[in-house]
Every structure is written in structure tokens, then in C-alpha cells.
Amino acid sequence: MANWEGINEFVAVVETQSFTAAAERLSTSVANISRRVTALEDKLAVKLFVRTTRKVSVTEVGATYYQHCKPLVEGSC
């Protein structure tokens, strides 16, 4: 996994609060978003989201990680 892999997807899910909306924003599939976020969680050895069948919520660790990732994503555009 490249260092940046999954970060754009993670930021999109946080901002949209939805894997589906994040997939639409990034013009990719929900499965791809899910795979990338799960791989990022595995790499970091933390849960970034609490997932239920109805919604996704960012964890406290995820919120902190988002604050670090957002400026990086904005700077990469």
C-alpha cells in the first residue's frame, strides 16, 4: 500500500458521512472505497469509523486523523 492510499477515500467518507456519497464524489465504486478505508485502518491498526447498516460515524481517533489528513489532501490538489 502506498503512503497516500486510502487517505482521499477516508477524507471523502468523513466529509460526506457516507461510503456511497464518497464513492460518487470520487467517481469510484462503494466497494473500492470500503476496501481502501479498511486497508488504511489495517495499516494504522485503528478503527477510523463505526459502521452500522444505516450509517457510518467517525471515531475519536478518526476525527483526530482527519484533522491531520485534510490539509495534506487539500495541498495535493
C-alpha atoms as a PDB file:
ATOM      1  CA  MET A   1       0.000   0.000   0.000  1.00  0.00           C
ATOM      2  CA  ALA A   2       1.395   3.394  -0.973  1.00  0.00           C
ATOM      3  CA  ASN A   3       1.619   6.012   1.766  1.00  0.00           C
ATOM      4  CA  TRP A   4      -1.311   8.037   0.366  1.00  0.00           C
ATOM      5  CA  GLU A   5      -3.510   5.076  -0.486  1.00  0.00           C
ATOM      6  CA  GLY A   6      -6.858   5.328   1.252  1.00  0.00           C
ATOM      7  CA  ILE A   7      -6.427   8.857   2.576  1.00  0.00           C
ATOM      8  CA  ASN A   8      -8.520  10.576  -0.114  1.00  0.00           C
ATOM      9  CA  GLU A   9     -11.217   7.962   0.392  1.00  0.00           C
ATOM     10  CA  PHE A  10     -11.075   8.380   4.173  1.00  0.00           C
ATOM     11  CA  VAL A  11     -11.420  12.175   3.919  1.00  0.00           C
ATOM     12  CA  ALA A  12     -14.328  11.846   1.487  1.00  0.00           C
ATOM     13  CA  VAL A  13     -16.190   9.447   3.806  1.00  0.00           C
ATOM     14  CA  VAL A  14     -15.688  11.766   6.787  1.00  0.00           C
ATOM     15  CA  GLU A  15     -16.907  14.793   4.839  1.00  0.00           C
ATOM     16  CA  THR A  16     -19.917  13.087   3.271  1.00  0.00           C
ATOM     17  CA  GLN A  17     -20.657  10.761   6.213  1.00  0.00           C
ATOM     18  CA  SER A  18     -21.400   8.075   3.643  1.00  0.00           C
ATOM     19  CA  PHE A  19     -19.468   5.462   1.700  1.00  0.00           C
ATOM     20  CA  THR A  20     -21.958   5.839  -1.160  1.00  0.00           C
ATOM     21  CA  ALA A  21     -21.609   9.624  -1.337  1.00  0.00           C
ATOM     22  CA  ALA A  22     -17.819   9.335  -1.070  1.00  0.00           C
ATOM     23  CA  ALA A  23     -17.820   6.889  -3.991  1.00  0.00           C
ATOM     24  CA  GLU A  24     -19.907   9.301  -6.049  1.00  0.00           C
ATOM     25  CA  ARG A  25     -17.614  12.204  -5.161  1.00  0.00           C
ATOM     26  CA  LEU A  26     -14.517  10.253  -6.199  1.00  0.00           C
ATOM     27  CA  SER A  27     -16.143   8.580  -9.219  1.00  0.00           C
ATOM     28  CA  THR A  28     -15.462   5.067  -7.994  1.00  0.00           C
ATOM     29  CA  SER A  29     -17.373   2.145  -6.512  1.00  0.00           C
ATOM     30  CA  VAL A  30     -18.549   1.773  -2.924  1.00  0.00           C
ATOM     31  CA  ALA A  31     -16.603  -1.499  -2.788  1.00  0.00           C
ATOM     32  CA  ASN A  32     -13.393   0.337  -3.723  1.00  0.00           C
ATOM     33  CA  ILE A  33     -13.974   2.991  -1.048  1.00  0.00           C
ATOM     34  CA  SER A  34     -14.650   0.288   1.534  1.00  0.00           C
ATOM     35  CA  ARG A  35     -11.539  -1.707   0.555  1.00  0.00           C
ATOM     36  CA  ARG A  36      -9.288   1.337   0.698  1.00  0.00           C
ATOM     37  CA  VAL A  37     -10.630   2.548   4.056  1.00  0.00           C
ATOM     38  CA  THR A  38     -10.380  -0.946   5.552  1.00  0.00           C
ATOM     39  CA  ALA A  39      -6.796  -1.277   4.276  1.00  0.00           C
ATOM     40  CA  LEU A  40      -5.964   2.110   5.812  1.00  0.00           C
ATOM     41  CA  GLU A  41      -7.478   1.029   9.139  1.00  0.00           C
ATOM     42  CA  ASP A  42      -5.456  -2.194   8.991  1.00  0.00           C
ATOM     43  CA  LYS A  43      -2.249  -0.296   8.200  1.00  0.00           C
ATOM     44  CA  LEU A  44      -2.837   2.115  11.094  1.00  0.00           C
ATOM     45  CA  ALA A  45      -4.145  -0.660  13.387  1.00  0.00           C
ATOM     46  CA  VAL A  46      -7.100   1.513  14.465  1.00  0.00           C
ATOM     47  CA  LYS A  47     -10.791   1.823  13.662  1.00  0.00           C
ATOM     48  CA  LEU A  48     -11.474   5.128  11.929  1.00  0.00           C
ATOM     49  CA  PHE A  49     -15.231   4.551  11.621  1.00  0.00           C
ATOM     50  CA  VAL A  50     -18.059   2.822  13.414  1.00  0.00           C
ATOM     51  CA  ARG A  51     -20.144   1.213  10.690  1.00  0.00           C
ATOM     52  CA  THR A  52     -23.758   0.105  11.006  1.00  0.00           C
ATOM     53  CA  THR A  53     -26.199  -0.955   8.329  1.00  0.00           C
ATOM     54  CA  ARG A  54     -27.744   2.513   8.424  1.00  0.00           C
ATOM     55  CA  LYS A  55     -24.881   4.934   8.989  1.00  0.00           C
ATOM     56  CA  VAL A  56     -21.180   5.495   9.395  1.00  0.00           C
ATOM     57  CA  SER A  57     -19.701   7.555  12.230  1.00  0.00           C
ATOM     58  CA  VAL A  58     -16.134   8.707  12.623  1.00  0.00           C
ATOM     59  CA  THR A  59     -14.380   7.529  15.789  1.00  0.00           C
ATOM     60  CA  GLU A  60     -12.460   9.886  18.062  1.00  0.00           C
ATOM     61  CA  VAL A  61      -9.220   8.552  16.588  1.00  0.00           C
ATOM     62  CA  GLY A  62     -10.687   9.003  13.112  1.00  0.00           C
ATOM     63  CA  ALA A  63     -11.609  12.622  13.849  1.00  0.00           C
ATOM     64  CA  THR A  64      -8.072  13.348  15.018  1.00  0.00           C
ATOM     65  CA  TYR A  65      -6.596  11.598  11.980  1.00  0.00           C
ATOM     66  CA  TYR A  66      -8.912  13.604   9.712  1.00  0.00           C
ATOM     67  CA  GLN A  67      -7.540  16.861  11.156  1.00  0.00           C
ATOM     68  CA  HIS A  68      -4.058  15.733  10.102  1.00  0.00           C
ATOM     69  CA  CYS A  69      -5.101  14.389   6.688  1.00  0.00           C
ATOM     70  CA  LYS A  70      -7.331  17.224   5.488  1.00  0.00           C
ATOM     71  CA  PRO A  71      -4.515  19.776   4.966  1.00  0.00           C
ATOM     72  CA  LEU A  72      -2.459  17.124   3.151  1.00  0.00           C
ATOM     73  CA  VAL A  73      -5.324  16.303   0.796  1.00  0.00           C
ATOM     74  CA  GLU A  74      -6.023  19.986   0.138  1.00  0.00           C
ATOM     75  CA  GLY A  75      -2.336  20.584  -0.560  1.00  0.00           C
ATOM     76  CA  SER A  76      -2.124  17.718  -3.042  1.00  0.00           C
ATOM     77  CA  CYS A  77      -4.675  19.236  -5.441  1.00  0.00           C
END
